[in-house]
Structure formats: C-alpha cells, structure tokens
PDB file of all heavy atoms in Angstrom:
ATOM      1  N   GLN A   1     -35.622  44.804-296.115  1.00  0.00           N
ATOM      2  CA  GLN A   1     -36.417  44.876-294.892  1.00  0.00           C
ATOM      3  C   GLN A   1     -37.915  44.803-295.177  1.00  0.00           C
ATOM      4  O   GLN A   1     -38.726  45.112-294.314  1.00  0.00           O
ATOM      5  CB  GLN A   1     -36.092  46.164-294.136  1.00  0.00           C
ATOM      6  CG  GLN A   1     -34.677  46.174-293.546  1.00  0.00           C
ATOM      7  CD  GLN A   1     -34.388  47.445-292.786  1.00  0.00           C
ATOM      8  OE1 GLN A   1     -34.506  48.554-293.306  1.00  0.00           O
ATOM      9  NE2 GLN A   1     -34.000  47.297-291.530  1.00  0.00           N
ATOM     10  N   LYS A   2     -38.291  44.362-296.356  1.00  0.00           N
ATOM     11  CA  LYS A   2     -39.701  44.242-296.717  1.00  0.00           C
ATOM     12  C   LYS A   2     -40.253  42.893-296.276  1.00  0.00           C
ATOM     13  O   LYS A   2     -39.531  41.925-296.105  1.00  0.00           O
ATOM     14  CB  LYS A   2     -39.860  44.391-298.235  1.00  0.00           C
ATOM     15  CG  LYS A   2     -39.515  45.749-298.791  1.00  0.00           C
ATOM     16  CD  LYS A   2     -39.532  45.718-300.315  1.00  0.00           C
ATOM     17  CE  LYS A   2     -40.859  45.207-300.854  1.00  0.00           C
ATOM     18  NZ  LYS A   2     -40.881  45.200-302.341  1.00  0.00           N
ATOM     19  N   GLU A   3     -41.599  42.864-296.118  1.00  0.00           N
ATOM     20  CA  GLU A   3     -42.277  41.595-295.885  1.00  0.00           C
ATOM     21  C   GLU A   3     -42.388  40.837-297.205  1.00  0.00           C
ATOM     22  O   GLU A   3     -42.481  41.435-298.275  1.00  0.00           O
ATOM     23  CB  GLU A   3     -43.676  41.825-295.318  1.00  0.00           C
ATOM     24  CG  GLU A   3     -43.702  42.400-293.919  1.00  0.00           C
ATOM     25  CD  GLU A   3     -45.119  42.506-293.376  1.00  0.00           C
ATOM     26  OE1 GLU A   3     -46.064  42.117-294.104  1.00  0.00           O
ATOM     27  OE2 GLU A   3     -45.289  42.978-292.242  1.00  0.00           O
ATOM     28  N   HIS A   4     -42.367  39.524-297.109  1.00  0.00           N
ATOM     29  CA  HIS A   4     -42.501  38.686-298.295  1.00  0.00           C
ATOM     30  C   HIS A   4     -43.501  37.574-297.996  1.00  0.00           C
ATOM     31  O   HIS A   4     -43.384  36.890-296.972  1.00  0.00           O
ATOM     32  CB  HIS A   4     -41.159  38.078-298.703  1.00  0.00           C
ATOM     33  CG  HIS A   4     -40.117  39.086-299.066  1.00  0.00           C
ATOM     34  ND1 HIS A   4     -40.064  39.701-300.305  1.00  0.00           N
ATOM     35  CD2 HIS A   4     -39.091  39.608-298.345  1.00  0.00           C
ATOM     36  CE1 HIS A   4     -39.040  40.535-300.337  1.00  0.00           C
ATOM     37  NE2 HIS A   4     -38.442  40.501-299.159  1.00  0.00           N
ATOM     38  N   THR A   5     -44.470  37.404-298.886  1.00  0.00           N
ATOM     39  CA  THR A   5     -45.437  36.319-298.746  1.00  0.00           C
ATOM     40  C   THR A   5     -45.085  35.213-299.733  1.00  0.00           C
ATOM     41  O   THR A   5     -44.999  35.449-300.935  1.00  0.00           O
ATOM     42  CB  THR A   5     -46.867  36.816-299.010  1.00  0.00           C
ATOM     43  OG1 THR A   5     -47.209  37.824-298.046  1.00  0.00           O
ATOM     44  CG2 THR A   5     -47.871  35.668-298.892  1.00  0.00           C
ATOM     45  N   ILE A   6     -44.869  34.035-299.199  1.00  0.00           N
ATOM     46  CA  ILE A   6     -44.491  32.884-300.008  1.00  0.00           C
ATOM     47  C   ILE A   6     -45.606  31.854-299.935  1.00  0.00           C
ATOM     48  O   ILE A   6     -46.087  31.522-298.844  1.00  0.00           O
ATOM     49  CB  ILE A   6     -43.171  32.277-299.519  1.00  0.00           C
ATOM     50  CG1 ILE A   6     -42.077  33.344-299.550  1.00  0.00           C
ATOM     51  CG2 ILE A   6     -42.769  31.078-300.371  1.00  0.00           C
ATOM     52  CD1 ILE A   6     -40.766  32.895-298.969  1.00  0.00           C
ATOM     53  N   SER A   7     -46.044  31.380-301.078  1.00  0.00           N
ATOM     54  CA  SER A   7     -47.142  30.421-301.130  1.00  0.00           C
ATOM     55  C   SER A   7     -46.753  29.197-301.934  1.00  0.00           C
ATOM     56  O   SER A   7     -45.885  29.254-302.808  1.00  0.00           O
ATOM     57  CB  SER A   7     -48.394  31.064-301.741  1.00  0.00           C
ATOM     58  OG  SER A   7     -48.171  31.398-303.099  1.00  0.00           O
ATOM     59  N   VAL A   8     -47.406  28.084-301.618  1.00  0.00           N
ATOM     60  CA  VAL A   8     -47.229  26.852-302.368  1.00  0.00           C
ATOM     61  C   VAL A   8     -48.608  26.308-302.698  1.00  0.00           C
ATOM     62  O   VAL A   8     -49.527  26.364-301.881  1.00  0.00           O
ATOM     63  CB  VAL A   8     -46.403  25.814-301.581  1.00  0.00           C
ATOM     64  CG1 VAL A   8     -47.097  25.399-300.288  1.00  0.00           C
ATOM     65  CG2 VAL A   8     -46.103  24.599-302.445  1.00  0.00           C
ATOM     66  N   THR A   9     -48.766  25.823-303.923  1.00  0.00           N
ATOM     67  CA  THR A   9     -50.023  25.242-304.374  1.00  0.00           C
ATOM     68  C   THR A   9     -49.780  23.828-304.872  1.00  0.00           C
ATOM     69  O   THR A   9     -48.835  23.591-305.637  1.00  0.00           O
ATOM     70  CB  THR A   9     -50.654  26.090-305.493  1.00  0.00           C
ATOM     71  OG1 THR A   9     -50.884  27.419-305.013  1.00  0.00           O
ATOM     72  CG2 THR A   9     -51.979  25.497-305.950  1.00  0.00           C
ATOM     73  N   LEU A  10     -50.609  22.908-304.407  1.00  0.00           N
ATOM     74  CA  LEU A  10     -50.536  21.517-304.854  1.00  0.00           C
ATOM     75  C   LEU A  10     -51.583  21.306-305.929  1.00  0.00           C
ATOM     76  O   LEU A  10     -52.734  21.723-305.782  1.00  0.00           O
ATOM     77  CB  LEU A  10     -50.814  20.553-303.698  1.00  0.00           C
ATOM     78  CG  LEU A  10     -49.664  20.230-302.747  1.00  0.00           C
ATOM     79  CD1 LEU A  10     -49.135  21.481-302.076  1.00  0.00           C
ATOM     80  CD2 LEU A  10     -50.116  19.223-301.715  1.00  0.00           C
ATOM     81  N   ARG A  11     -51.184  20.630-306.980  1.00  0.00           N
ATOM     82  CA  ARG A  11     -52.133  20.375-308.059  1.00  0.00           C
ATOM     83  C   ARG A  11     -52.272  18.875-308.268  1.00  0.00           C
ATOM     84  O   ARG A  11     -51.457  18.236-308.910  1.00  0.00           O
ATOM     85  CB  ARG A  11     -51.680  21.041-309.353  1.00  0.00           C
ATOM     86  CG  ARG A  11     -52.701  20.898-310.474  1.00  0.00           C
ATOM     87  CD  ARG A  11     -52.308  21.718-311.678  1.00  0.00           C
ATOM     88  NE  ARG A  11     -53.306  21.602-312.734  1.00  0.00           N
ATOM     89  CZ  ARG A  11     -53.252  22.264-313.892  1.00  0.00           C
ATOM     90  NH1 ARG A  11     -52.238  23.087-314.123  1.00  0.00           N
ATOM     91  NH2 ARG A  11     -54.186  22.107-314.790  1.00  0.00           N
ATOM     92  N   ASN A  12     -53.316  18.315-307.692  1.00  0.00           N
ATOM     93  CA  ASN A  12     -53.701  16.938-307.935  1.00  0.00           C
ATOM     94  C   ASN A  12     -55.079  16.981-308.571  1.00  0.00           C
ATOM     95  O   ASN A  12     -55.270  17.598-309.609  1.00  0.00           O
ATOM     96  CB  ASN A  12     -53.690  16.128-306.638  1.00  0.00           C
ATOM     97  CG  ASN A  12     -52.268  15.872-306.142  1.00  0.00           C
ATOM     98  OD1 ASN A  12     -51.353  15.766-306.939  1.00  0.00           O
ATOM     99  ND2 ASN A  12     -52.098  15.783-304.846  1.00  0.00           N
ATOM    100  N   SER A  13     -56.049  16.335-307.941  1.00  0.00           N
ATOM    101  CA  SER A  13     -57.418  16.466-308.437  1.00  0.00           C
ATOM    102  C   SER A  13     -57.984  17.822-308.055  1.00  0.00           C
ATOM    103  O   SER A  13     -58.882  18.349-308.699  1.00  0.00           O
ATOM    104  CB  SER A  13     -58.291  15.354-307.863  1.00  0.00           C
ATOM    105  OG  SER A  13     -58.238  15.371-306.441  1.00  0.00           O
ATOM    106  N   ASN A  14     -57.464  18.403-306.989  1.00  0.00           N
ATOM    107  CA  ASN A  14     -57.891  19.720-306.538  1.00  0.00           C
ATOM    108  C   ASN A  14     -56.650  20.543-306.221  1.00  0.00           C
ATOM    109  O   ASN A  14     -55.573  20.005-305.975  1.00  0.00           O
ATOM    110  CB  ASN A  14     -58.774  19.611-305.290  1.00  0.00           C
ATOM    111  CG  ASN A  14     -60.042  18.830-305.560  1.00  0.00           C
ATOM    112  OD1 ASN A  14     -60.955  19.323-306.190  1.00  0.00           O
ATOM    113  ND2 ASN A  14     -60.080  17.583-305.089  1.00  0.00           N
ATOM    114  N   LYS A  15     -56.813  21.853-306.190  1.00  0.00           N
ATOM    115  CA  LYS A  15     -55.706  22.744-305.869  1.00  0.00           C
ATOM    116  C   LYS A  15     -55.787  23.113-304.386  1.00  0.00           C
ATOM    117  O   LYS A  15     -56.762  23.687-303.941  1.00  0.00           O
ATOM    118  CB  LYS A  15     -55.737  23.999-306.739  1.00  0.00           C
ATOM    119  CG  LYS A  15     -55.393  23.739-308.198  1.00  0.00           C
ATOM    120  CD  LYS A  15     -55.320  25.044-308.971  1.00  0.00           C
ATOM    121  CE  LYS A  15     -54.910  24.797-310.424  1.00  0.00           C
ATOM    122  NZ  LYS A  15     -54.816  26.064-311.193  1.00  0.00           N
ATOM    123  N   ILE A  16     -54.753  22.766-303.652  1.00  0.00           N
ATOM    124  CA  ILE A  16     -54.655  23.081-302.237  1.00  0.00           C
ATOM    125  C   ILE A  16     -53.498  24.053-302.057  1.00  0.00           C
ATOM    126  O   ILE A  16     -52.402  23.823-302.572  1.00  0.00           O
ATOM    127  CB  ILE A  16     -54.405  21.815-301.392  1.00  0.00           C
ATOM    128  CG1 ILE A  16     -55.455  20.743-301.682  1.00  0.00           C
ATOM    129  CG2 ILE A  16     -54.394  22.155-299.911  1.00  0.00           C
ATOM    130  CD1 ILE A  16     -56.864  21.135-301.339  1.00  0.00           C
ATOM    131  N   SER A  17     -53.727  25.153-301.336  1.00  0.00           N
ATOM    132  CA  SER A  17     -52.695  26.181-301.176  1.00  0.00           C
ATOM    133  C   SER A  17     -52.434  26.461-299.704  1.00  0.00           C
ATOM    134  O   SER A  17     -53.303  26.281-298.849  1.00  0.00           O
ATOM    135  CB  SER A  17     -53.100  27.475-301.886  1.00  0.00           C
ATOM    136  OG  SER A  17     -53.201  27.286-303.276  1.00  0.00           O
ATOM    137  N   GLN A  18     -51.232  26.918-299.439  1.00  0.00           N
ATOM    138  CA  GLN A  18     -50.833  27.371-298.120  1.00  0.00           C
ATOM    139  C   GLN A  18     -49.809  28.478-298.307  1.00  0.00           C
ATOM    140  O   GLN A  18     -49.051  28.482-299.283  1.00  0.00           O
ATOM    141  CB  GLN A  18     -50.233  26.223-297.310  1.00  0.00           C
ATOM    142  CG  GLN A  18     -49.982  26.532-295.851  1.00  0.00           C
ATOM    143  CD  GLN A  18     -51.236  26.863-295.088  1.00  0.00           C
ATOM    144  OE1 GLN A  18     -51.620  28.037-295.008  1.00  0.00           O
ATOM    145  NE2 GLN A  18     -51.899  25.851-294.549  1.00  0.00           N
ATOM    146  N   SER A  19     -49.780  29.447-297.388  1.00  0.00           N
ATOM    147  CA  SER A  19     -48.839  30.554-297.528  1.00  0.00           C
ATOM    148  C   SER A  19     -48.331  30.995-296.166  1.00  0.00           C
ATOM    149  O   SER A  19     -48.935  30.691-295.128  1.00  0.00           O
ATOM    150  CB  SER A  19     -49.500  31.741-298.247  1.00  0.00           C
ATOM    151  OG  SER A  19     -50.541  32.290-297.457  1.00  0.00           O
ATOM    152  N   VAL A  20     -47.212  31.699-296.172  1.00  0.00           N
ATOM    153  CA  VAL A  20     -46.638  32.266-294.959  1.00  0.00           C
ATOM    154  C   VAL A  20     -46.065  33.630-295.305  1.00  0.00           C
ATOM    155  O   VAL A  20     -45.515  33.819-296.399  1.00  0.00           O
ATOM    156  CB  VAL A  20     -45.552  31.342-294.371  1.00  0.00           C
ATOM    157  CG1 VAL A  20     -44.396  31.160-295.355  1.00  0.00           C
ATOM    158  CG2 VAL A  20     -45.034  31.873-293.047  1.00  0.00           C
ATOM    159  N   THR A  21     -46.221  34.583-294.397  1.00  0.00           N
ATOM    160  CA  THR A  21     -45.654  35.915-294.586  1.00  0.00           C
ATOM    161  C   THR A  21     -44.439  36.070-293.688  1.00  0.00           C
ATOM    162  O   THR A  21     -44.536  35.936-292.460  1.00  0.00           O
ATOM    163  CB  THR A  21     -46.680  37.007-294.258  1.00  0.00           C
ATOM    164  OG1 THR A  21     -47.800  36.898-295.163  1.00  0.00           O
ATOM    165  CG2 THR A  21     -46.065  38.392-294.422  1.00  0.00           C
ATOM    166  N   LEU A  22     -43.291  36.299-294.288  1.00  0.00           N
ATOM    167  CA  LEU A  22     -42.049  36.477-293.555  1.00  0.00           C
ATOM    168  C   LEU A  22     -41.868  37.952-293.224  1.00  0.00           C
ATOM    169  O   LEU A  22     -41.724  38.787-294.118  1.00  0.00           O
ATOM    170  CB  LEU A  22     -40.867  35.965-294.374  1.00  0.00           C
ATOM    171  CG  LEU A  22     -40.895  34.481-294.759  1.00  0.00           C
ATOM    172  CD1 LEU A  22     -39.699  34.149-295.647  1.00  0.00           C
ATOM    173  CD2 LEU A  22     -40.900  33.597-293.526  1.00  0.00           C
ATOM    174  N   LYS A  23     -41.899  38.254-291.933  1.00  0.00           N
ATOM    175  CA  LYS A  23     -41.699  39.627-291.485  1.00  0.00           C
ATOM    176  C   LYS A  23     -40.277  39.751-290.941  1.00  0.00           C
ATOM    177  O   LYS A  23     -39.912  39.049-289.993  1.00  0.00           O
ATOM    178  CB  LYS A  23     -42.716  39.976-290.400  1.00  0.00           C
ATOM    179  CG  LYS A  23     -44.160  39.895-290.874  1.00  0.00           C
ATOM    180  CD  LYS A  23     -45.131  40.257-289.767  1.00  0.00           C
ATOM    181  CE  LYS A  23     -46.566  40.183-290.260  1.00  0.00           C
ATOM    182  NZ  LYS A  23     -47.539  40.543-289.193  1.00  0.00           N
ATOM    183  N   PRO A  24     -39.464  40.609-291.534  1.00  0.00           N
ATOM    184  CA  PRO A  24     -38.064  40.683-291.107  1.00  0.00           C
ATOM    185  C   PRO A  24     -37.919  41.188-289.673  1.00  0.00           C
ATOM    186  O   PRO A  24     -38.614  42.118-289.250  1.00  0.00           O
ATOM    187  CB  PRO A  24     -37.437  41.649-292.116  1.00  0.00           C
ATOM    188  CG  PRO A  24     -38.589  42.453-292.639  1.00  0.00           C
ATOM    189  CD  PRO A  24     -39.781  41.549-292.621  1.00  0.00           C
ATOM    190  N   SER A  25     -37.045  40.558-288.940  1.00  0.00           N
ATOM    191  CA  SER A  25     -36.715  40.964-287.573  1.00  0.00           C
ATOM    192  C   SER A  25     -35.313  41.543-287.550  1.00  0.00           C
ATOM    193  O   SER A  25     -34.509  41.289-288.450  1.00  0.00           O
ATOM    194  CB  SER A  25     -36.789  39.767-286.621  1.00  0.00           C
ATOM    195  OG  SER A  25     -38.077  39.202-286.606  1.00  0.00           O
ATOM    196  N   ALA A  26     -35.032  42.287-286.519  1.00  0.00           N
ATOM    197  CA  ALA A  26     -33.677  42.824-286.347  1.00  0.00           C
ATOM    198  C   ALA A  26     -32.858  41.839-285.520  1.00  0.00           C
ATOM    199  O   ALA A  26     -33.385  41.184-284.618  1.00  0.00           O
ATOM    200  CB  ALA A  26     -33.730  44.180-285.652  1.00  0.00           C
ATOM    201  N   PRO A  27     -31.579  41.690-285.816  1.00  0.00           N
ATOM    202  CA  PRO A  27     -30.732  40.850-284.962  1.00  0.00           C
ATOM    203  C   PRO A  27     -30.627  41.453-283.573  1.00  0.00           C
ATOM    204  O   PRO A  27     -30.907  42.637-283.361  1.00  0.00           O
ATOM    205  CB  PRO A  27     -29.391  40.846-285.695  1.00  0.00           C
ATOM    206  CG  PRO A  27     -29.405  42.063-286.542  1.00  0.00           C
ATOM    207  CD  PRO A  27     -30.836  42.293-286.925  1.00  0.00           C
ATOM    208  N   GLU A  28     -30.226  40.632-282.615  1.00  0.00           N
ATOM    209  CA  GLU A  28     -30.124  41.070-281.230  1.00  0.00           C
ATOM    210  C   GLU A  28     -28.804  40.595-280.639  1.00  0.00           C
ATOM    211  O   GLU A  28     -28.140  39.716-281.185  1.00  0.00           O
ATOM    212  CB  GLU A  28     -31.282  40.508-280.396  1.00  0.00           C
ATOM    213  CG  GLU A  28     -32.662  40.941-280.864  1.00  0.00           C
ATOM    214  CD  GLU A  28     -33.774  40.293-280.070  1.00  0.00           C
ATOM    215  OE1 GLU A  28     -33.462  39.633-279.046  1.00  0.00           O
ATOM    216  OE2 GLU A  28     -34.951  40.433-280.457  1.00  0.00           O
ATOM    217  N   VAL A  29     -28.463  41.175-279.497  1.00  0.00           N
ATOM    218  CA  VAL A  29     -27.306  40.706-278.737  1.00  0.00           C
ATOM    219  C   VAL A  29     -27.706  40.710-277.263  1.00  0.00           C
ATOM    220  O   VAL A  29     -28.387  41.627-276.792  1.00  0.00           O
ATOM    221  CB  VAL A  29     -26.054  41.582-278.983  1.00  0.00           C
ATOM    222  CG1 VAL A  29     -26.281  43.005-278.527  1.00  0.00           C
ATOM    223  CG2 VAL A  29     -24.842  40.979-278.294  1.00  0.00           C
ATOM    224  N   VAL A  30     -27.333  39.660-276.549  1.00  0.00           N
ATOM    225  CA  VAL A  30     -27.670  39.531-275.131  1.00  0.00           C
ATOM    226  C   VAL A  30     -26.372  39.365-274.342  1.00  0.00           C
ATOM    227  O   VAL A  30     -25.465  38.632-274.756  1.00  0.00           O
ATOM    228  CB  VAL A  30     -28.609  38.330-274.884  1.00  0.00           C
ATOM    229  CG1 VAL A  30     -28.967  38.232-273.400  1.00  0.00           C
ATOM    230  CG2 VAL A  30     -29.877  38.448-275.720  1.00  0.00           C
ATOM    231  N   LEU A  31     -26.297  40.051-273.199  1.00  0.00           N
ATOM    232  CA  LEU A  31     -25.128  39.984-272.331  1.00  0.00           C
ATOM    233  C   LEU A  31     -25.380  38.987-271.200  1.00  0.00           C
ATOM    234  O   LEU A  31     -26.439  38.990-270.577  1.00  0.00           O
ATOM    235  CB  LEU A  31     -24.813  41.359-271.748  1.00  0.00           C
ATOM    236  CG  LEU A  31     -24.544  42.480-272.764  1.00  0.00           C
ATOM    237  CD1 LEU A  31     -24.313  43.806-272.049  1.00  0.00           C
ATOM    238  CD2 LEU A  31     -23.343  42.141-273.638  1.00  0.00           C
ATOM    239  N   TYR A  32     -24.376  38.125-270.950  1.00  0.00           N
ATOM    240  CA  TYR A  32     -24.478  37.132-269.884  1.00  0.00           C
ATOM    241  C   TYR A  32     -23.205  37.162-269.034  1.00  0.00           C
ATOM    242  O   TYR A  32     -22.112  37.447-269.546  1.00  0.00           O
ATOM    243  CB  TYR A  32     -24.615  35.716-270.461  1.00  0.00           C
ATOM    244  CG  TYR A  32     -25.826  35.482-271.323  1.00  0.00           C
ATOM    245  CD1 TYR A  32     -25.713  35.464-272.713  1.00  0.00           C
ATOM    246  CD2 TYR A  32     -27.078  35.251-270.753  1.00  0.00           C
ATOM    247  CE1 TYR A  32     -26.824  35.224-273.511  1.00  0.00           C
ATOM    248  CE2 TYR A  32     -28.190  35.011-271.548  1.00  0.00           C
ATOM    249  CZ  TYR A  32     -28.062  35.008-272.923  1.00  0.00           C
ATOM    250  OH  TYR A  32     -29.159  34.777-273.714  1.00  0.00           O
ATOM    251  N   PRO A  33     -23.328  36.832-267.742  1.00  0.00           N
ATOM    252  CA  PRO A  33     -22.104  36.663-266.945  1.00  0.00           C
ATOM    253  C   PRO A  33     -21.419  35.357-267.327  1.00  0.00           C
ATOM    254  O   PRO A  33     -22.077  34.388-267.721  1.00  0.00           O
ATOM    255  CB  PRO A  33     -22.637  36.619-265.502  1.00  0.00           C
ATOM    256  CG  PRO A  33     -24.034  36.121-265.627  1.00  0.00           C
ATOM    257  CD  PRO A  33     -24.558  36.649-266.943  1.00  0.00           C
ATOM    258  N   GLU A  34     -20.107  35.349-267.225  1.00  0.00           N
ATOM    259  CA  GLU A  34     -19.354  34.135-267.564  1.00  0.00           C
ATOM    260  C   GLU A  34     -18.557  33.677-266.352  1.00  0.00           C
ATOM    261  O   GLU A  34     -17.826  34.464-265.735  1.00  0.00           O
ATOM    262  CB  GLU A  34     -18.434  34.390-268.755  1.00  0.00           C
ATOM    263  CG  GLU A  34     -17.684  33.131-269.187  1.00  0.00           C
ATOM    264  CD  GLU A  34     -17.437  33.109-270.685  1.00  0.00           C
ATOM    265  OE1 GLU A  34     -18.413  33.057-271.447  1.00  0.00           O
ATOM    266  OE2 GLU A  34     -16.260  33.148-271.059  1.00  0.00           O
ATOM    267  N   SER A  35     -18.711  32.395-266.046  1.00  0.00           N
ATOM    268  CA  SER A  35     -18.033  31.813-264.902  1.00  0.00           C
ATOM    269  C   SER A  35     -16.818  31.014-265.360  1.00  0.00           C
ATOM    270  O   SER A  35     -16.892  30.307-266.369  1.00  0.00           O
ATOM    271  CB  SER A  35     -18.997  30.890-264.138  1.00  0.00           C
ATOM    272  OG  SER A  35     -18.304  30.063-263.232  1.00  0.00           O
ATOM    273  N   PRO A  36     -15.702  31.099-264.612  1.00  0.00           N
ATOM    274  CA  PRO A  36     -14.521  30.293-264.971  1.00  0.00           C
ATOM    275  C   PRO A  36     -14.810  28.793-264.916  1.00  0.00           C
ATOM    276  O   PRO A  36     -14.182  28.019-265.630  1.00  0.00           O
ATOM    277  CB  PRO A  36     -13.490  30.704-263.914  1.00  0.00           C
ATOM    278  CG  PRO A  36     -13.942  32.031-263.411  1.00  0.00           C
ATOM    279  CD  PRO A  36     -15.439  32.000-263.489  1.00  0.00           C
ATOM    280  N   LEU A  37     -15.760  28.386-264.054  1.00  0.00           N
ATOM    281  CA  LEU A  37     -16.068  26.971-263.896  1.00  0.00           C
ATOM    282  C   LEU A  37     -17.175  26.500-264.827  1.00  0.00           C
ATOM    283  O   LEU A  37     -17.111  25.406-265.385  1.00  0.00           O
ATOM    284  CB  LEU A  37     -16.478  26.680-262.438  1.00  0.00           C
ATOM    285  CG  LEU A  37     -15.389  26.861-261.375  1.00  0.00           C
ATOM    286  CD1 LEU A  37     -15.969  26.598-259.994  1.00  0.00           C
ATOM    287  CD2 LEU A  37     -14.220  25.930-261.644  1.00  0.00           C
ATOM    288  N   TYR A  38     -18.225  27.323-265.004  1.00  0.00           N
ATOM    289  CA  TYR A  38     -19.420  26.879-265.717  1.00  0.00           C
ATOM    290  C   TYR A  38     -19.595  27.519-267.097  1.00  0.00           C
ATOM    291  O   TYR A  38     -20.539  27.200-267.818  1.00  0.00           O
ATOM    292  CB  TYR A  38     -20.663  27.160-264.867  1.00  0.00           C
ATOM    293  CG  TYR A  38     -20.585  26.542-263.494  1.00  0.00           C
ATOM    294  CD1 TYR A  38     -20.378  27.342-262.374  1.00  0.00           C
ATOM    295  CD2 TYR A  38     -20.680  25.167-263.320  1.00  0.00           C
ATOM    296  CE1 TYR A  38     -20.291  26.784-261.104  1.00  0.00           C
ATOM    297  CE2 TYR A  38     -20.602  24.599-262.057  1.00  0.00           C
ATOM    298  CZ  TYR A  38     -20.411  25.409-260.951  1.00  0.00           C
ATOM    299  OH  TYR A  38     -20.321  24.849-259.702  1.00  0.00           O
ATOM    300  N   GLY A  39     -18.706  28.410-267.451  1.00  0.00           N
ATOM    301  CA  GLY A  39     -18.829  29.054-268.753  1.00  0.00           C
ATOM    302  C   GLY A  39     -19.933  30.102-268.778  1.00  0.00           C
ATOM    303  O   GLY A  39     -20.284  30.687-267.747  1.00  0.00           O
ATOM    304  N   THR A  40     -20.491  30.324-269.947  1.00  0.00           N
ATOM    305  CA  THR A  40     -21.528  31.344-270.109  1.00  0.00           C
ATOM    306  C   THR A  40     -22.800  30.918-269.400  1.00  0.00           C
ATOM    307  O   THR A  40     -23.349  29.845-269.674  1.00  0.00           O
ATOM    308  CB  THR A  40     -21.829  31.575-271.601  1.00  0.00           C
ATOM    309  OG1 THR A  40     -20.616  31.938-272.269  1.00  0.00           O
ATOM    310  CG2 THR A  40     -22.848  32.683-271.786  1.00  0.00           C
ATOM    311  N   GLN A  41     -23.282  31.743-268.487  1.00  0.00           N
ATOM    312  CA  GLN A  41     -24.484  31.432-267.714  1.00  0.00           C
ATOM    313  C   GLN A  41     -25.702  31.993-268.440  1.00  0.00           C
ATOM    314  O   GLN A  41     -26.212  33.074-268.125  1.00  0.00           O
ATOM    315  CB  GLN A  41     -24.362  31.993-266.303  1.00  0.00           C
ATOM    316  CG  GLN A  41     -23.184  31.376-265.530  1.00  0.00           C
ATOM    317  CD  GLN A  41     -23.039  31.944-264.131  1.00  0.00           C
ATOM    318  OE1 GLN A  41     -22.502  33.043-263.953  1.00  0.00           O
ATOM    319  NE2 GLN A  41     -23.535  31.210-263.143  1.00  0.00           N
ATOM    320  N   SER A  42     -26.175  31.217-269.407  1.00  0.00           N
ATOM    321  CA  SER A  42     -27.227  31.700-270.294  1.00  0.00           C
ATOM    322  C   SER A  42     -28.593  31.830-269.621  1.00  0.00           C
ATOM    323  O   SER A  42     -29.525  32.333-270.232  1.00  0.00           O
ATOM    324  CB  SER A  42     -27.343  30.775-271.508  1.00  0.00           C
ATOM    325  OG  SER A  42     -27.574  29.441-271.103  1.00  0.00           O
TER     326      SER A  42
END
C-alpha cells in the first residue's frame, strides 16, 4: 500500500527524464439495478 515513484531517463546527446508517482487506491463495488430486457443499468 506504499506509494512508488517510477522514472525513466533518455540518454542521447542530453539526458531527458520523466517520472510518475503511483498512489495505491482501494478497490470499489457499485450496485446497479438490473432489467430483464436491458441488463445492468450502469
């Protein structure tokens, strides 16, 4: 459940970097009505 920072560096004539921090989320569940004709009404 920790955050993780992932970075990438390009090495050509110059070094170019970019990074992203992944923040963990909790899974979810959503309740929907279900119709015999139309299925799950999302």
